[in-house]
Amino acid sequence: MHEMSIALSIVEAVDAKARQEGAGMISSIDLLIGKLAGIEPESLKFCFSAAAKGTLAEDAELVIVEPEGIGECGECGMRFPVTFYYAECPSCRSLRIKIVSGKEFLIQSMIIEEKGE
């Protein structure tokens, strides 16, 4: 389950940044995880709760936005929904498809609380 290593990396990154900012705790973390990123959001949430124990993110709410996969045809330029990296253009049947959305994985933001709040 690679979600545990991802959760540990998220906790490490946000905990370090929050400490740098003098925070007492992290109350929320917003993630962007595309449907084609290969990460199971529910597994990540489960792993996050274990990974965050004893850190500033221990009680943080994990908010995940999951953009759909979008492909763009290299022949006709049509954009269309995709559920896998290999797809066929529904318009011209070309296989020259570039994934333009759905692979994202990033920490968008976090809400921190000052010490003593």
Protein backbone atom coordinates (compact mmCIF):
# COMPACT_ATOMS: atom_id res chain seq x y z
CA MET A 1 0.00 0.00 0.00
CA HIS A 2 1.90 3.05 -1.25
CA GLU A 3 -0.69 5.36 0.31
CA MET A 4 1.15 5.03 3.65
CA SER A 5 4.39 6.41 2.20
CA ILE A 6 2.39 9.19 0.55
CA ALA A 7 0.64 9.97 3.85
CA LEU A 8 3.99 10.07 5.66
CA SER A 9 5.37 12.47 3.04
CA ILE A 10 2.32 14.74 3.34
CA VAL A 11 2.60 14.79 7.14
CA GLU A 12 6.32 15.51 6.98
CA ALA A 13 5.82 18.41 4.54
CA VAL A 14 2.91 20.10 6.31
CA ASP A 15 4.33 19.54 9.79
CA ALA A 16 7.64 21.12 8.79
CA LYS A 17 5.95 24.11 7.16
CA ALA A 18 3.57 24.61 10.10
CA ARG A 19 6.46 24.53 12.59
CA GLN A 20 8.36 27.02 10.43
CA GLU A 21 5.31 29.31 10.65
CA GLY A 22 5.11 28.88 14.46
CA ALA A 23 1.82 26.99 14.38
CA GLY A 24 0.39 25.11 17.34
CA MET A 25 -1.64 22.75 15.16
CA ILE A 26 -2.90 22.09 11.64
CA SER A 27 -6.68 22.02 11.42
CA SER A 28 -7.19 21.27 7.72
CA ILE A 29 -5.21 20.12 4.67
CA ASP A 30 -6.55 20.47 1.12
CA LEU A 31 -5.24 17.99 -1.45
CA LEU A 32 -5.74 17.77 -5.20
CA ILE A 33 -5.56 14.14 -6.35
CA GLY A 34 -6.57 13.40 -9.94
CA LYS A 35 -8.53 10.25 -10.72
CA LEU A 36 -5.57 9.02 -12.82
CA ALA A 37 -2.94 9.65 -10.14
CA GLY A 38 -3.05 6.05 -8.90
CA ILE A 39 -3.88 7.04 -5.34
CA GLU A 40 -6.93 5.73 -3.50
CA PRO A 41 -8.33 8.66 -1.48
CA GLU A 42 -10.03 6.48 1.15
CA SER A 43 -6.85 4.49 1.72
CA LEU A 44 -4.88 7.73 1.94
CA LYS A 45 -7.28 9.11 4.57
CA PHE A 46 -6.93 5.92 6.61
CA CYS A 47 -3.14 6.00 6.38
CA PHE A 48 -3.04 9.72 7.09
CA SER A 49 -4.76 9.29 10.45
CA ALA A 50 -2.04 6.83 11.51
CA ALA A 51 0.84 8.83 9.99
CA ALA A 52 -0.24 12.07 11.65
CA LYS A 53 -0.26 10.71 15.23
CA GLY A 54 1.93 12.84 17.47
CA THR A 55 2.38 15.63 14.88
CA LEU A 56 0.82 19.05 14.40
CA ALA A 57 -1.46 17.40 11.82
CA GLU A 58 -2.86 14.82 14.24
CA ASP A 59 -6.35 16.36 14.32
CA ALA A 60 -6.32 17.80 10.80
CA GLU A 61 -9.21 17.27 8.44
CA LEU A 62 -8.04 15.92 5.08
CA VAL A 63 -10.07 17.47 2.23
CA ILE A 64 -9.53 15.81 -1.14
CA VAL A 65 -10.65 17.16 -4.52
CA GLU A 66 -10.51 14.61 -7.36
CA PRO A 67 -10.42 16.08 -10.89
CA GLU A 68 -11.61 13.75 -13.64
CA GLY A 69 -9.25 12.50 -16.32
CA ILE A 70 -9.34 14.55 -19.51
CA GLY A 71 -7.57 13.58 -22.71
CA GLU A 72 -6.79 15.73 -25.74
CA CYS A 73 -6.48 14.25 -29.20
CA GLY A 74 -3.20 14.97 -30.97
CA GLU A 75 -4.92 14.74 -34.36
CA CYS A 76 -8.19 16.69 -34.12
CA GLY A 77 -7.72 18.52 -30.78
CA MET A 78 -10.92 17.18 -29.21
CA ARG A 79 -10.96 17.01 -25.40
CA PHE A 80 -12.89 14.19 -23.77
CA PRO A 81 -13.16 12.27 -20.48
CA VAL A 82 -10.75 9.36 -19.97
CA THR A 83 -10.51 6.75 -17.25
CA PHE A 84 -7.14 5.30 -18.27
CA TYR A 85 -3.88 6.55 -19.78
CA TYR A 86 -4.52 4.84 -23.12
CA ALA A 87 -7.61 5.99 -24.96
CA GLU A 88 -9.06 6.40 -28.41
CA CYS A 89 -10.47 9.70 -29.61
CA PRO A 90 -14.24 9.35 -29.90
CA SER A 91 -14.24 11.74 -32.87
CA CYS A 92 -11.42 10.63 -35.19
CA ARG A 93 -10.34 7.32 -33.54
CA SER A 94 -6.74 8.48 -33.17
CA LEU A 95 -4.64 6.93 -30.41
CA ARG A 96 -2.41 10.04 -30.08
CA ILE A 97 -3.98 11.14 -26.82
CA LYS A 98 -2.33 13.45 -24.31
CA ILE A 99 -3.65 13.42 -20.74
CA VAL A 100 -4.29 17.06 -19.76
CA SER A 101 -6.08 16.54 -16.44
CA GLY A 102 -6.47 13.84 -13.84
CA LYS A 103 -2.80 13.11 -12.99
CA GLU A 104 -2.50 15.89 -10.41
CA PHE A 105 -1.24 15.29 -6.90
CA LEU A 106 -0.46 18.28 -4.73
CA ILE A 107 -0.99 19.87 -1.37
CA GLN A 108 -3.08 22.92 -2.24
CA SER A 109 -3.33 24.53 1.17
CA MET A 110 -3.51 24.02 4.89
CA ILE A 111 -5.09 25.88 7.76
CA ILE A 112 -2.91 26.32 10.80
CA GLU A 113 -3.74 27.54 14.27
CA GLU A 114 -1.34 29.63 16.32
CA LYS A 115 -0.06 28.31 19.61
CA GLY A 116 -2.59 29.02 22.36
CA GLU A 117 -5.64 29.47 20.06
